[in-house]
């Protein structure tokens, strides 16, 4: 019999940077600076419920990756 291990992610929203959009199910897509599982904080884009107790899949970016993304966006203007 296969056993599944379910890990609960621990997180701290160090800084809420902004809301990107409202999702029609009551969730919002946000950019935050989050420390996941007691690690160094990263930039994080994902959907959250209003209480920030449930979240969807997202993308995390290190400080270096965020700086590179900003440079790429400036080049594209």
Protein backbone atom coordinates (compact mmCIF):
# COMPACT_ATOMS: atom_id res chain seq x y z
CA UNK A 1 0.00 0.00 0.00
CA UNK A 2 1.40 3.38 -1.03
CA UNK A 3 1.68 5.99 1.71
CA UNK A 4 1.25 9.65 0.96
CA UNK A 5 3.04 12.21 3.05
CA UNK A 6 1.23 15.51 3.29
CA UNK A 7 3.39 18.45 4.29
CA UNK A 8 1.90 21.66 5.55
CA UNK A 9 3.71 24.71 4.23
CA UNK A 10 4.47 27.36 6.80
CA UNK A 11 4.71 30.91 5.53
CA UNK A 12 5.07 34.48 6.69
CA UNK A 13 3.96 37.31 4.46
CA UNK A 14 6.85 39.68 5.14
CA UNK A 15 5.44 42.39 2.89
CA UNK A 16 2.24 42.65 0.85
CA UNK A 17 3.32 44.49 -2.29
CA UNK A 18 0.04 44.64 -4.15
CA UNK A 19 -3.04 43.04 -5.65
CA UNK A 20 -2.75 42.19 -9.34
CA UNK A 21 -6.35 41.12 -9.99
CA UNK A 22 -9.59 39.84 -8.50
CA UNK A 23 -10.53 36.26 -9.32
CA UNK A 24 -14.28 35.53 -9.56
CA UNK A 25 -14.16 32.88 -6.80
CA UNK A 26 -13.32 35.37 -4.04
CA UNK A 27 -9.57 34.94 -4.43
CA UNK A 28 -7.13 37.66 -5.43
CA UNK A 29 -3.89 37.33 -7.39
CA UNK A 30 -1.17 39.10 -5.41
CA UNK A 31 2.50 39.96 -5.38
CA UNK A 32 3.97 39.43 -1.93
CA UNK A 33 7.38 39.03 -0.31
CA UNK A 34 7.07 35.71 1.57
CA UNK A 35 9.26 33.49 3.73
CA UNK A 36 8.24 29.87 3.04
CA UNK A 37 9.13 27.21 5.62
CA UNK A 38 11.49 29.52 7.55
CA UNK A 39 13.65 30.19 4.47
CA UNK A 40 14.85 33.49 3.04
CA UNK A 41 11.93 35.57 1.72
CA UNK A 42 11.17 35.47 -2.01
CA UNK A 43 8.88 37.43 -4.29
CA UNK A 44 5.72 35.41 -4.75
CA UNK A 45 2.86 35.68 -7.26
CA UNK A 46 -0.18 33.51 -6.50
CA UNK A 47 -3.89 33.55 -5.67
CA UNK A 48 -5.04 33.91 -2.06
CA UNK A 49 -8.35 33.81 -0.27
CA UNK A 50 -9.38 36.93 1.63
CA UNK A 51 -8.03 35.65 4.98
CA UNK A 52 -4.71 34.48 3.47
CA UNK A 53 -5.30 30.98 4.87
CA UNK A 54 -5.68 29.24 1.48
CA UNK A 55 -3.66 29.75 -1.66
CA UNK A 56 -3.28 28.46 -5.19
CA UNK A 57 -0.24 27.46 -7.21
CA UNK A 58 2.17 30.27 -7.77
CA UNK A 59 5.56 31.43 -8.93
CA UNK A 60 8.40 32.45 -6.64
CA UNK A 61 11.33 34.65 -7.63
CA UNK A 62 14.54 35.30 -5.72
CA UNK A 63 15.81 38.87 -5.35
CA UNK A 64 18.20 38.24 -8.24
CA UNK A 65 15.45 36.81 -10.46
CA UNK A 66 13.15 39.75 -9.69
CA UNK A 67 15.91 42.22 -10.60
CA UNK A 68 16.49 40.35 -13.87
CA UNK A 69 12.75 40.36 -14.60
CA UNK A 70 12.63 44.13 -14.04
CA UNK A 71 15.58 44.60 -16.43
CA UNK A 72 13.91 42.42 -19.06
CA UNK A 73 10.68 44.39 -18.77
CA UNK A 74 12.54 47.70 -19.19
CA UNK A 75 14.28 46.35 -22.30
CA UNK A 76 10.91 45.37 -23.77
CA UNK A 77 9.46 48.87 -23.48
